[in-house]
Structures are given as structure tokens and as C-alpha cells.
PDB file of N, CA and C in Angstrom:
ATOM      1  N   MET A   1      94.019 177.282  38.500  1.00  0.00           N
ATOM      2  CA  MET A   1      94.169 176.333  39.344  1.00  0.00           C
ATOM      3  C   MET A   1      93.386 175.367  40.022  1.00  0.00           C
ATOM      4  N   LEU A   2      93.469 174.850  40.905  1.00  0.00           N
ATOM      5  CA  LEU A   2      92.589 173.438  40.980  1.00  0.00           C
ATOM      6  C   LEU A   2      91.573 174.271  42.150  1.00  0.00           C
ATOM      7  N   ARG A   3      90.528 173.798  41.676  1.00  0.00           N
ATOM      8  CA  ARG A   3      89.262 174.048  42.916  1.00  0.00           C
ATOM      9  C   ARG A   3      88.837 172.886  44.029  1.00  0.00           C
ATOM     10  N   LEU A   4      88.948 173.336  44.668  1.00  0.00           N
ATOM     11  CA  LEU A   4      88.777 172.439  46.156  1.00  0.00           C
ATOM     12  C   LEU A   4      87.304 172.618  46.900  1.00  0.00           C
ATOM     13  N   LEU A   5      86.748 171.321  47.593  1.00  0.00           N
ATOM     14  CA  LEU A   5      85.537 171.136  48.414  1.00  0.00           C
ATOM     15  C   LEU A   5      86.543 170.386  49.781  1.00  0.00           C
ATOM     16  N   ALA A   6      86.619 170.348  50.475  1.00  0.00           N
ATOM     17  CA  ALA A   6      87.230 170.009  51.988  1.00  0.00           C
ATOM     18  C   ALA A   6      85.422 169.330  52.344  1.00  0.00           C
ATOM     19  N   ASP A   7      85.502 168.440  52.829  1.00  0.00           N
ATOM     20  CA  ASP A   7      84.472 167.509  53.187  1.00  0.00           C
ATOM     21  C   ASP A   7      84.447 168.201  54.843  1.00  0.00           C
ATOM     22  N   GLU A   8      82.861 167.703  55.255  1.00  0.00           N
ATOM     23  CA  GLU A   8      82.469 167.884  57.074  1.00  0.00           C
ATOM     24  C   GLU A   8      83.584 167.524  57.571  1.00  0.00           C
ATOM     25  N   ASN A   9      84.214 166.853  57.580  1.00  0.00           N
ATOM     26  CA  ASN A   9      84.995 165.738  58.747  1.00  0.00           C
ATOM     27  C   ASN A   9      86.544 166.344  58.428  1.00  0.00           C
ATOM     28  N   PHE A  10      86.650 166.667  57.195  1.00  0.00           N
ATOM     29  CA  PHE A  10      88.159 167.529  56.830  1.00  0.00           C
ATOM     30  C   PHE A  10      88.894 168.122  57.755  1.00  0.00           C
ATOM     31  N   ASN A  11      90.022 167.902  58.270  1.00  0.00           N
ATOM     32  CA  ASN A  11      90.810 168.723  59.410  1.00  0.00           C
ATOM     33  C   ASN A  11      90.803 170.148  58.965  1.00  0.00           C
ATOM     34  N   ASN A  12      90.272 170.920  59.659  1.00  0.00           N
ATOM     35  CA  ASN A  12      90.681 172.380  59.402  1.00  0.00           C
ATOM     36  C   ASN A  12      91.877 173.289  59.786  1.00  0.00           C
ATOM     37  N   ASP A  13      92.854 172.360  60.679  1.00  0.00           N
ATOM     38  CA  ASP A  13      93.589 172.707  60.730  1.00  0.00           C
ATOM     39  C   ASP A  13      94.689 173.013  59.455  1.00  0.00           C
ATOM     40  N   ILE A  14      94.115 171.599  58.843  1.00  0.00           N
ATOM     41  CA  ILE A  14      94.779 172.184  57.051  1.00  0.00           C
ATOM     42  C   ILE A  14      94.499 172.960  56.211  1.00  0.00           C
ATOM     43  N   VAL A  15      93.230 173.337  56.058  1.00  0.00           N
ATOM     44  CA  VAL A  15      92.301 173.789  55.683  1.00  0.00           C
ATOM     45  C   VAL A  15      93.085 175.434  55.946  1.00  0.00           C
ATOM     46  N   ARG A  16      93.176 175.622  56.959  1.00  0.00           N
ATOM     47  CA  ARG A  16      93.667 177.015  57.510  1.00  0.00           C
ATOM     48  C   ARG A  16      95.228 177.232  57.106  1.00  0.00           C
ATOM     49  N   GLY A  17      95.837 176.278  57.365  1.00  0.00           N
ATOM     50  CA  GLY A  17      97.125 176.097  56.782  1.00  0.00           C
ATOM     51  C   GLY A  17      97.150 176.447  55.227  1.00  0.00           C
ATOM     52  N   LEU A  18      96.482 175.705  54.526  1.00  0.00           N
ATOM     53  CA  LEU A  18      96.305 175.874  53.228  1.00  0.00           C
ATOM     54  C   LEU A  18      96.060 177.668  52.643  1.00  0.00           C
ATOM     55  N   LEU A  19      95.100 178.015  53.626  1.00  0.00           N
ATOM     56  CA  LEU A  19      94.659 179.269  53.102  1.00  0.00           C
ATOM     57  C   LEU A  19      95.956 180.490  53.920  1.00  0.00           C
ATOM     58  N   ARG A  20      96.631 180.202  54.788  1.00  0.00           N
ATOM     59  CA  ARG A  20      97.760 180.893  55.680  1.00  0.00           C
ATOM     60  C   ARG A  20      98.616 180.724  54.306  1.00  0.00           C
ATOM     61  N   ARG A  21      99.538 179.541  53.678  1.00  0.00           N
ATOM     62  CA  ARG A  21     100.011 180.053  52.919  1.00  0.00           C
ATOM     63  C   ARG A  21      99.645 180.375  51.551  1.00  0.00           C
ATOM     64  N   LYS A  22      98.481 179.981  51.359  1.00  0.00           N
ATOM     65  CA  LYS A  22      98.350 180.616  49.763  1.00  0.00           C
ATOM     66  C   LYS A  22      96.846 181.425  49.823  1.00  0.00           C
ATOM     67  N   PRO A  23      96.306 182.270  50.147  1.00  0.00           N
ATOM     68  CA  PRO A  23      95.415 183.247  50.511  1.00  0.00           C
ATOM     69  C   PRO A  23      94.211 182.897  49.427  1.00  0.00           C
ATOM     70  N   ASP A  24      94.767 183.171  47.920  1.00  0.00           N
ATOM     71  CA  ASP A  24      94.183 183.068  47.157  1.00  0.00           C
ATOM     72  C   ASP A  24      93.744 181.451  46.630  1.00  0.00           C
ATOM     73  N   ILE A  25      93.917 180.517  47.430  1.00  0.00           N
ATOM     74  CA  ILE A  25      93.516 179.415  46.960  1.00  0.00           C
ATOM     75  C   ILE A  25      92.149 178.859  46.879  1.00  0.00           C
ATOM     76  N   ASP A  26      91.435 178.182  46.464  1.00  0.00           N
ATOM     77  CA  ASP A  26      90.366 178.192  45.818  1.00  0.00           C
ATOM     78  C   ASP A  26      89.617 177.263  46.273  1.00  0.00           C
ATOM     79  N   ILE A  27      89.164 177.359  47.180  1.00  0.00           N
ATOM     80  CA  ILE A  27      88.864 175.941  48.643  1.00  0.00           C
ATOM     81  C   ILE A  27      87.950 176.756  49.559  1.00  0.00           C
ATOM     82  N   VAL A  28      86.558 175.987  49.172  1.00  0.00           N
ATOM     83  CA  VAL A  28      85.751 175.782  50.313  1.00  0.00           C
ATOM     84  C   VAL A  28      84.919 174.575  51.145  1.00  0.00           C
ATOM     85  N   ARG A  29      84.756 174.795  52.300  1.00  0.00           N
ATOM     86  CA  ARG A  29      84.416 173.783  53.306  1.00  0.00           C
ATOM     87  C   ARG A  29      82.993 172.934  52.868  1.00  0.00           C
ATOM     88  N   THR A  30      81.996 171.888  53.438  1.00  0.00           N
ATOM     89  CA  THR A  30      81.004 171.618  52.749  1.00  0.00           C
ATOM     90  C   THR A  30      79.905 172.386  53.717  1.00  0.00           C
ATOM     91  N   GLN A  31      80.629 173.111  54.906  1.00  0.00           N
ATOM     92  CA  GLN A  31      80.015 173.840  55.861  1.00  0.00           C
ATOM     93  C   GLN A  31      79.478 175.313  55.254  1.00  0.00           C
ATOM     94  N   ASP A  32      80.643 175.662  54.399  1.00  0.00           N
ATOM     95  CA  ASP A  32      80.433 176.828  53.977  1.00  0.00           C
ATOM     96  C   ASP A  32      79.483 176.890  52.654  1.00  0.00           C
ATOM     97  N   VAL A  33      79.038 175.938  52.202  1.00  0.00           N
ATOM     98  CA  VAL A  33      78.291 176.039  50.820  1.00  0.00           C
ATOM     99  C   VAL A  33      76.498 175.067  51.204  1.00  0.00           C
ATOM    100  N   GLY A  34      76.446 174.898  52.554  1.00  0.00           N
ATOM    101  CA  GLY A  34      75.068 174.402  52.849  1.00  0.00           C
ATOM    102  C   GLY A  34      75.046 172.942  52.581  1.00  0.00           C
ATOM    103  N   LEU A  35      75.741 172.422  52.447  1.00  0.00           N
ATOM    104  CA  LEU A  35      76.319 170.688  52.426  1.00  0.00           C
ATOM    105  C   LEU A  35      76.219 170.242  54.122  1.00  0.00           C
ATOM    106  N   SER A  36      76.654 170.311  54.880  1.00  0.00           N
ATOM    107  CA  SER A  36      76.680 169.869  56.469  1.00  0.00           C
ATOM    108  C   SER A  36      75.373 168.920  56.059  1.00  0.00           C
ATOM    109  N   GLY A  37      76.203 167.375  56.623  1.00  0.00           N
ATOM    110  CA  GLY A  37      74.963 166.598  57.236  1.00  0.00           C
ATOM    111  C   GLY A  37      74.458 165.657  55.948  1.00  0.00           C
ATOM    112  N   THR A  38      74.986 166.166  54.663  1.00  0.00           N
ATOM    113  CA  THR A  38      74.570 165.543  53.644  1.00  0.00           C
ATOM    114  C   THR A  38      75.367 164.217  53.019  1.00  0.00           C
ATOM    115  N   ASP A  39      74.565 163.283  52.544  1.00  0.00           N
ATOM    116  CA  ASP A  39      75.106 161.996  52.483  1.00  0.00           C
ATOM    117  C   ASP A  39      76.527 162.338  51.218  1.00  0.00           C
ATOM    118  N   ASP A  40      76.915 161.362  50.825  1.00  0.00           N
ATOM    119  CA  ASP A  40      78.218 161.219  50.135  1.00  0.00           C
ATOM    120  C   ASP A  40      77.700 161.236  48.421  1.00  0.00           C
ATOM    121  N   PRO A  41      77.012 160.579  48.259  1.00  0.00           N
ATOM    122  CA  PRO A  41      76.613 161.331  46.773  1.00  0.00           C
ATOM    123  C   PRO A  41      76.248 162.439  46.727  1.00  0.00           C
ATOM    124  N   THR A  42      75.652 162.908  47.577  1.00  0.00           N
ATOM    125  CA  THR A  42      75.132 164.431  47.316  1.00  0.00           C
ATOM    126  C   THR A  42      76.405 165.751  47.234  1.00  0.00           C
ATOM    127  N   MET A  43      77.401 165.265  48.099  1.00  0.00           N
ATOM    128  CA  MET A  43      78.205 166.082  48.328  1.00  0.00           C
ATOM    129  C   MET A  43      79.251 165.601  46.977  1.00  0.00           C
ATOM    130  N   LEU A  44      79.438 164.645  46.334  1.00  0.00           N
ATOM    131  CA  LEU A  44      80.059 164.618  45.222  1.00  0.00           C
ATOM    132  C   LEU A  44      79.151 165.021  43.815  1.00  0.00           C
ATOM    133  N   GLU A  45      77.998 164.610  44.060  1.00  0.00           N
ATOM    134  CA  GLU A  45      77.077 165.764  42.820  1.00  0.00           C
ATOM    135  C   GLU A  45      77.240 167.268  43.019  1.00  0.00           C
ATOM    136  N   TRP A  46      77.231 167.628  43.982  1.00  0.00           N
ATOM    137  CA  TRP A  46      77.525 169.055  44.012  1.00  0.00           C
ATOM    138  C   TRP A  46      79.249 169.496  43.433  1.00  0.00           C
ATOM    139  N   ALA A  47      80.119 168.686  44.353  1.00  0.00           N
ATOM    140  CA  ALA A  47      81.692 168.924  43.816  1.00  0.00           C
ATOM    141  C   ALA A  47      81.794 168.871  42.051  1.00  0.00           C
ATOM    142  N   ALA A  48      81.196 168.005  41.559  1.00  0.00           N
ATOM    143  CA  ALA A  48      81.272 167.767  39.903  1.00  0.00           C
ATOM    144  C   ALA A  48      80.309 169.173  39.670  1.00  0.00           C
ATOM    145  N   ARG A  49      79.514 169.163  39.912  1.00  0.00           N
ATOM    146  CA  ARG A  49      78.374 170.308  39.514  1.00  0.00           C
ATOM    147  C   ARG A  49      79.341 171.914  39.412  1.00  0.00           C
ATOM    148  N   HIS A  50      80.034 172.033  40.417  1.00  0.00           N
ATOM    149  CA  HIS A  50      81.291 173.116  40.730  1.00  0.00           C
ATOM    150  C   HIS A  50      82.358 172.767  39.805  1.00  0.00           C
ATOM    151  N   GLY A  51      83.100 171.535  39.599  1.00  0.00           N
ATOM    152  CA  GLY A  51      83.329 171.447  39.232  1.00  0.00           C
ATOM    153  C   GLY A  51      85.362 171.344  40.269  1.00  0.00           C
ATOM    154  N   ARG A  52      85.090 170.969  41.663  1.00  0.00           N
ATOM    155  CA  ARG A  52      85.952 171.180  42.514  1.00  0.00           C
ATOM    156  C   ARG A  52      86.585 169.388  42.518  1.00  0.00           C
ATOM    157  N   VAL A  53      87.548 169.203  42.864  1.00  0.00           N
ATOM    158  CA  VAL A  53      88.183 168.082  43.670  1.00  0.00           C
ATOM    159  C   VAL A  53      87.694 168.176  45.037  1.00  0.00           C
ATOM    160  N   LEU A  54      87.475 167.048  45.622  1.00  0.00           N
ATOM    161  CA  LEU A  54      87.104 166.852  46.769  1.00  0.00           C
ATOM    162  C   LEU A  54      88.444 166.313  47.659  1.00  0.00           C
ATOM    163  N   LEU A  55      88.640 166.792  48.799  1.00  0.00           N
ATOM    164  CA  LEU A  55      89.485 166.926  49.997  1.00  0.00           C
ATOM    165  C   LEU A  55      88.585 165.869  51.318  1.00  0.00           C
ATOM    166  N   THR A  56      89.561 164.756  51.393  1.00  0.00           N
ATOM    167  CA  THR A  56      88.430 163.611  52.551  1.00  0.00           C
ATOM    168  C   THR A  56      89.424 162.856  53.258  1.00  0.00           C
ATOM    169  N   HIS A  57      89.273 162.461  54.361  1.00  0.00           N
ATOM    170  CA  HIS A  57      89.705 161.416  55.437  1.00  0.00           C
ATOM    171  C   HIS A  57      89.124 160.123  55.147  1.00  0.00           C
ATOM    172  N   ASP A  58      87.535 160.130  54.836  1.00  0.00           N
ATOM    173  CA  ASP A  58      86.742 159.204  54.435  1.00  0.00           C
ATOM    174  C   ASP A  58      87.276 158.005  53.490  1.00  0.00           C
ATOM    175  N   VAL A  59      88.100 156.898  53.733  1.00  0.00           N
ATOM    176  CA  VAL A  59      88.407 156.293  52.844  1.00  0.00           C
ATOM    177  C   VAL A  59      87.128 154.930  52.641  1.00  0.00           C
ATOM    178  N   THR A  60      86.558 155.150  53.978  1.00  0.00           N
ATOM    179  CA  THR A  60      85.419 153.867  53.813  1.00  0.00           C
ATOM    180  C   THR A  60      84.134 153.901  52.548  1.00  0.00           C
ATOM    181  N   THR A  61      83.734 155.128  52.561  1.00  0.00           N
ATOM    182  CA  THR A  61      82.851 155.405  51.616  1.00  0.00           C
ATOM    183  C   THR A  61      82.552 156.142  50.545  1.00  0.00           C
ATOM    184  N   ILE A  62      83.322 157.299  50.751  1.00  0.00           N
ATOM    185  CA  ILE A  62      83.854 157.988  49.408  1.00  0.00           C
ATOM    186  C   ILE A  62      84.367 157.752  48.294  1.00  0.00           C
ATOM    187  N   THR A  63      85.075 156.632  48.071  1.00  0.00           N
ATOM    188  CA  THR A  63      85.474 155.882  47.459  1.00  0.00           C
ATOM    189  C   THR A  63      84.772 155.231  46.415  1.00  0.00           C
ATOM    190  N   ARG A  64      83.828 154.701  47.224  1.00  0.00           N
ATOM    191  CA  ARG A  64      82.935 153.312  46.475  1.00  0.00           C
ATOM    192  C   ARG A  64      81.990 154.593  45.524  1.00  0.00           C
ATOM    193  N   HIS A  65      81.347 155.414  46.580  1.00  0.00           N
ATOM    194  CA  HIS A  65      80.365 156.323  45.719  1.00  0.00           C
ATOM    195  C   HIS A  65      81.237 157.161  44.276  1.00  0.00           C
ATOM    196  N   ALA A  66      82.699 157.568  44.481  1.00  0.00           N
ATOM    197  CA  ALA A  66      83.167 157.943  43.373  1.00  0.00           C
ATOM    198  C   ALA A  66      83.204 157.207  42.279  1.00  0.00           C
ATOM    199  N   TYR A  67      83.414 155.987  42.787  1.00  0.00           N
ATOM    200  CA  TYR A  67      84.195 155.376  41.497  1.00  0.00           C
ATOM    201  C   TYR A  67      82.578 154.770  40.983  1.00  0.00           C
ATOM    202  N   GLU A  68      81.234 154.613  42.136  1.00  0.00           N
ATOM    203  CA  GLU A  68      80.059 154.591  41.208  1.00  0.00           C
ATOM    204  C   GLU A  68      79.813 155.423  40.261  1.00  0.00           C
ATOM    205  N   ARG A  69      80.034 157.016  40.281  1.00  0.00           N
ATOM    206  CA  ARG A  69      79.917 158.267  39.822  1.00  0.00           C
ATOM    207  C   ARG A  69      80.571 157.422  37.925  1.00  0.00           C
ATOM    208  N   VAL A  70      81.990 157.144  38.439  1.00  0.00           N
ATOM    209  CA  VAL A  70      82.462 156.956  37.214  1.00  0.00           C
ATOM    210  C   VAL A  70      82.359 155.832  36.108  1.00  0.00           C
ATOM    211  N   GLN A  71      81.661 155.017  36.987  1.00  0.00           N
ATOM    212  CA  GLN A  71      80.902 154.040  36.459  1.00  0.00           C
ATOM    213  C   GLN A  71      80.015 154.022  35.342  1.00  0.00           C
ATOM    214  N   ALA A  72      78.818 154.956  36.277  1.00  0.00           N
ATOM    215  CA  ALA A  72      77.399 155.428  35.400  1.00  0.00           C
ATOM    216  C   ALA A  72      77.798 156.258  34.372  1.00  0.00           C
ATOM    217  N   ASP A  73      79.324 156.919  34.206  1.00  0.00           N
ATOM    218  CA  ASP A  73      79.687 157.818  33.213  1.00  0.00           C
ATOM    219  C   ASP A  73      79.231 159.246  33.462  1.00  0.00           C
ATOM    220  N   GLN A  74      79.178 159.570  35.034  1.00  0.00           N
ATOM    221  CA  GLN A  74      78.407 160.574  35.326  1.00  0.00           C
ATOM    222  C   GLN A  74      80.408 161.604  35.831  1.00  0.00           C
ATOM    223  N   PRO A  75      79.918 162.833  35.777  1.00  0.00           N
ATOM    224  CA  PRO A  75      80.930 163.769  36.345  1.00  0.00           C
ATOM    225  C   PRO A  75      81.610 163.520  37.619  1.00  0.00           C
ATOM    226  N   MET A  76      82.919 162.986  37.864  1.00  0.00           N
ATOM    227  CA  MET A  76      83.619 163.295  39.201  1.00  0.00           C
ATOM    228  C   MET A  76      85.145 163.843  39.106  1.00  0.00           C
ATOM    229  N   PRO A  77      84.948 165.022  39.303  1.00  0.00           N
ATOM    230  CA  PRO A  77      86.291 166.035  39.045  1.00  0.00           C
ATOM    231  C   PRO A  77      87.377 165.745  39.705  1.00  0.00           C
ATOM    232  N   GLY A  78      87.371 164.323  41.058  1.00  0.00           N
ATOM    233  CA  GLY A  78      88.250 163.924  41.534  1.00  0.00           C
ATOM    234  C   GLY A  78      88.222 163.864  42.890  1.00  0.00           C
ATOM    235  N   VAL A  79      89.151 162.901  43.852  1.00  0.00           N
ATOM    236  CA  VAL A  79      89.082 162.970  45.258  1.00  0.00           C
ATOM    237  C   VAL A  79      90.575 162.736  45.646  1.00  0.00           C
ATOM    238  N   PHE A  80      90.597 163.331  46.655  1.00  0.00           N
ATOM    239  CA  PHE A  80      92.315 163.234  47.075  1.00  0.00           C
ATOM    240  C   PHE A  80      91.686 163.237  49.281  1.00  0.00           C
ATOM    241  N   GLU A  81      92.115 161.427  48.738  1.00  0.00           N
ATOM    242  CA  GLU A  81      92.394 160.892  50.612  1.00  0.00           C
ATOM    243  C   GLU A  81      93.547 161.327  50.912  1.00  0.00           C
ATOM    244  N   VAL A  82      93.316 162.093  51.969  1.00  0.00           N
ATOM    245  CA  VAL A  82      94.377 162.252  52.930  1.00  0.00           C
ATOM    246  C   VAL A  82      94.413 161.594  53.817  1.00  0.00           C
ATOM    247  N   SER A  83      95.390 160.320  54.271  1.00  0.00           N
ATOM    248  CA  SER A  83      95.504 159.884  55.701  1.00  0.00           C
ATOM    249  C   SER A  83      95.457 160.852  56.625  1.00  0.00           C
ATOM    250  N   ARG A  84      94.517 160.437  57.686  1.00  0.00           N
ATOM    251  CA  ARG A  84      94.795 160.781  59.170  1.00  0.00           C
ATOM    252  C   ARG A  84      96.012 160.780  59.656  1.00  0.00           C
ATOM    253  N   ALA A  85      96.767 160.127  59.697  1.00  0.00           N
ATOM    254  CA  ALA A  85      98.130 160.197  60.056  1.00  0.00           C
ATOM    255  C   ALA A  85      99.102 160.474  59.712  1.00  0.00           C
ATOM    256  N   VAL A  86      98.569 161.446  57.943  1.00  0.00           N
ATOM    257  CA  VAL A  86      99.886 162.502  57.714  1.00  0.00           C
ATOM    258  C   VAL A  86     100.048 163.829  58.338  1.00  0.00           C
ATOM    259  N   PRO A  87     101.171 164.059  58.938  1.00  0.00           N
ATOM    260  CA  PRO A  87     101.553 165.018  59.540  1.00  0.00           C
ATOM    261  C   PRO A  87     100.552 166.375  58.862  1.00  0.00           C
ATOM    262  N   ILE A  88     100.299 167.267  59.249  1.00  0.00           N
ATOM    263  CA  ILE A  88      99.642 168.716  58.631  1.00  0.00           C
ATOM    264  C   ILE A  88     100.081 169.117  57.965  1.00  0.00           C
ATOM    265  N   GLY A  89     101.578 169.335  58.096  1.00  0.00           N
ATOM    266  CA  GLY A  89     102.403 170.002  57.245  1.00  0.00           C
ATOM    267  C   GLY A  89     102.725 169.062  55.918  1.00  0.00           C
ATOM    268  N   THR A  90     102.998 168.151  55.764  1.00  0.00           N
ATOM    269  CA  THR A  90     103.462 167.499  55.144  1.00  0.00           C
ATOM    270  C   THR A  90     101.825 167.777  53.775  1.00  0.00           C
ATOM    271  N   ALA A  91     100.655 167.320  54.610  1.00  0.00           N
ATOM    272  CA  ALA A  91      99.415 167.581  53.725  1.00  0.00           C
ATOM    273  C   ALA A  91      99.116 168.746  53.184  1.00  0.00           C
ATOM    274  N   ILE A  92      99.228 169.531  53.592  1.00  0.00           N
ATOM    275  CA  ILE A  92      99.045 171.471  53.266  1.00  0.00           C
ATOM    276  C   ILE A  92     100.564 171.243  51.999  1.00  0.00           C
ATOM    277  N   GLU A  93     101.655 170.843  52.574  1.00  0.00           N
ATOM    278  CA  GLU A  93     102.424 170.929  51.130  1.00  0.00           C
ATOM    279  C   GLU A  93     102.270 170.420  49.839  1.00  0.00           C
ATOM    280  N   ASP A  94     101.507 169.100  50.281  1.00  0.00           N
ATOM    281  CA  ASP A  94     100.876 168.247  48.994  1.00  0.00           C
ATOM    282  C   ASP A  94     100.167 168.521  48.062  1.00  0.00           C
ATOM    283  N   ILE A  95      98.999 169.119  49.051  1.00  0.00           N
ATOM    284  CA  ILE A  95      97.753 169.876  48.379  1.00  0.00           C
ATOM    285  C   ILE A  95      98.633 170.728  47.617  1.00  0.00           C
ATOM    286  N   LEU A  96      99.284 171.877  48.299  1.00  0.00           N
ATOM    287  CA  LEU A  96      99.587 173.013  47.137  1.00  0.00           C
ATOM    288  C   LEU A  96     100.345 172.821  45.579  1.00  0.00           C
ATOM    289  N   LEU A  97     100.879 171.497  46.232  1.00  0.00           N
ATOM    290  CA  LEU A  97     101.824 171.127  45.099  1.00  0.00           C
ATOM    291  C   LEU A  97     100.879 170.672  44.173  1.00  0.00           C
ATOM    292  N   LEU A  98      99.757 170.003  44.362  1.00  0.00           N
ATOM    293  CA  LEU A  98      98.852 169.640  43.460  1.00  0.00           C
ATOM    294  C   LEU A  98      97.799 170.703  43.032  1.00  0.00           C
ATOM    295  N   THR A  99      97.702 171.394  44.058  1.00  0.00           N
ATOM    296  CA  THR A  99      96.835 172.809  43.324  1.00  0.00           C
ATOM    297  C   THR A  99      97.769 173.612  41.909  1.00  0.00           C
ATOM    298  N   GLU A 100      98.923 173.872  42.378  1.00  0.00           N
ATOM    299  CA  GLU A 100      99.898 174.744  41.575  1.00  0.00           C
ATOM    300  C   GLU A 100     100.387 173.853  40.534  1.00  0.00           C
ATOM    301  N   TYR A 101     100.582 172.367  40.256  1.00  0.00           N
ATOM    302  CA  TYR A 101     100.965 172.015  39.286  1.00  0.00           C
ATOM    303  C   TYR A 101     100.180 171.062  38.342  1.00  0.00           C
ATOM    304  N   THR A 102      99.260 171.268  38.652  1.00  0.00           N
ATOM    305  CA  THR A 102      97.799 170.261  37.477  1.00  0.00           C
ATOM    306  C   THR A 102      97.095 171.013  36.639  1.00  0.00           C
ATOM    307  N   LEU A 103      96.660 170.601  36.028  1.00  0.00           N
ATOM    308  CA  LEU A 103      95.838 171.029  34.672  1.00  0.00           C
ATOM    309  C   LEU A 103      94.622 170.972  35.221  1.00  0.00           C
ATOM    310  N   GLU A 104      93.571 171.643  34.642  1.00  0.00           N
ATOM    311  CA  GLU A 104      92.406 171.632  34.919  1.00  0.00           C
ATOM    312  C   GLU A 104      91.786 170.299  34.269  1.00  0.00           C
ATOM    313  N   GLY A 105      90.847 169.653  35.218  1.00  0.00           N
ATOM    314  CA  GLY A 105      90.257 168.236  34.469  1.00  0.00           C
ATOM    315  C   GLY A 105      91.343 167.292  34.736  1.00  0.00           C
ATOM    316  N   GLU A 106      92.665 167.199  35.003  1.00  0.00           N
ATOM    317  CA  GLU A 106      93.312 166.426  35.145  1.00  0.00           C
ATOM    318  C   GLU A 106      93.211 165.371  36.351  1.00  0.00           C
ATOM    319  N   TRP A 107      92.395 165.198  36.768  1.00  0.00           N
ATOM    320  CA  TRP A 107      91.788 164.301  38.339  1.00  0.00           C
ATOM    321  C   TRP A 107      90.352 163.997  37.651  1.00  0.00           C
ATOM    322  N   GLU A 108      90.307 164.747  36.868  1.00  0.00           N
ATOM    323  CA  GLU A 108      88.817 164.182  36.706  1.00  0.00           C
ATOM    324  C   GLU A 108      88.647 162.159  36.466  1.00  0.00           C
ATOM    325  N   GLY A 109      87.717 161.526  37.257  1.00  0.00           N
ATOM    326  CA  GLY A 109      87.703 160.257  37.737  1.00  0.00           C
ATOM    327  C   GLY A 109      88.504 159.716  38.037  1.00  0.00           C
ATOM    328  N   GLN A 110      89.566 160.441  39.069  1.00  0.00           N
ATOM    329  CA  GLN A 110      90.630 159.369  39.900  1.00  0.00           C
ATOM    330  C   GLN A 110      90.582 160.051  41.370  1.00  0.00           C
ATOM    331  N   ILE A 111      91.201 159.270  42.088  1.00  0.00           N
ATOM    332  CA  ILE A 111      90.995 158.957  43.368  1.00  0.00           C
ATOM    333  C   ILE A 111      92.631 158.766  43.187  1.00  0.00           C
ATOM    334  N   ARG A 112      92.995 159.721  44.475  1.00  0.00           N
ATOM    335  CA  ARG A 112      94.423 159.848  44.687  1.00  0.00           C
ATOM    336  C   ARG A 112      94.991 160.157  46.266  1.00  0.00           C
ATOM    337  N   TYR A 113      95.503 158.944  46.821  1.00  0.00           N
ATOM    338  CA  TYR A 113      95.908 159.100  48.013  1.00  0.00           C
ATOM    339  C   TYR A 113      96.998 160.052  48.770  1.00  0.00           C
ATOM    340  N   LEU A 114      97.094 160.857  49.632  1.00  0.00           N
ATOM    341  CA  LEU A 114      97.984 161.805  50.433  1.00  0.00           C
ATOM    342  C   LEU A 114      98.677 160.850  51.486  1.00  0.00           C
ATOM    343  N   PRO A 115      99.667 160.698  51.741  1.00  0.00           N
ATOM    344  CA  PRO A 115     101.226 161.457  51.349  1.00  0.00           C
ATOM    345  C   PRO A 115     101.439 161.198  49.676  1.00  0.00           C
ATOM    346  N   LEU A 116     101.587 162.017  48.945  1.00  0.00           N
ATOM    347  CA  LEU A 116     102.411 161.671  47.375  1.00  0.00           C
ATOM    348  C   LEU A 116     103.602 160.998  47.457  1.00  0.00           C
ATOM    349  N   ARG A 117     103.971 160.152  47.092  1.00  0.00           N
ATOM    350  CA  ARG A 117     105.415 159.089  47.301  1.00  0.00           C
ATOM    351  C   ARG A 117     105.900 159.038  46.162  1.00  0.00           C
TER     352      ARG A 117
END
């Protein structure tokens, strides 16, 4: 199963909805692991060390830092950029689909945008 890290500004209603629908989903929030207030490179490094795909709404800076990791040949287990315009239910469904039907390491070095199309 896909392991997830929700960044500090990720919509907690989505996180709660994921946990309601699938209580055994492997998701942690940056606040839960002592990363509150950290910069994007530090958060991406932590995600890489722990093999977690990052969930974020931040399309302005995370993308650049994630691609910098890839270009530097550093591990980057993946980023799912979830548009704030996506209805919460759609975001939950798309994330659940991704967690259920992807293989370990499948998103390495990739950034994907939700909603899925």
C-alpha cells in the first residue's frame, strides 16, 4: 500500500475523509511527525527517507524542489498536487484509488496532479 505524507497546509477534511473511508490507510501529517514550519526541501527529504508520497496543494514551490531532487539524483518518492478547486469527495476518491492500485515505487521521481483525468 502507498505510504503518504500530507503537508502542513493540506486540507485536513481530506485527511479525515481518507481515514473514515479506509482506517488502515498509511498517512501521516507533517504536524504529526515534527515537521511543522519546515521548508519544502526538508519535508521532501523526510518523505524520501521514509518512502512517503507527498500530498500537497502547493503548486508554486514544491514542484520546483521536487524536480531539483530528481535532477540531483536524490530519491523523491513522488508528489500528488491536489488542486484546491477539487471537491473534497473527488480528492478522497482519487487518492484512495491511487493508494489501492499502485505499486511500491511507482511514483518515484514523478509529480501528478489531481483530479485524475
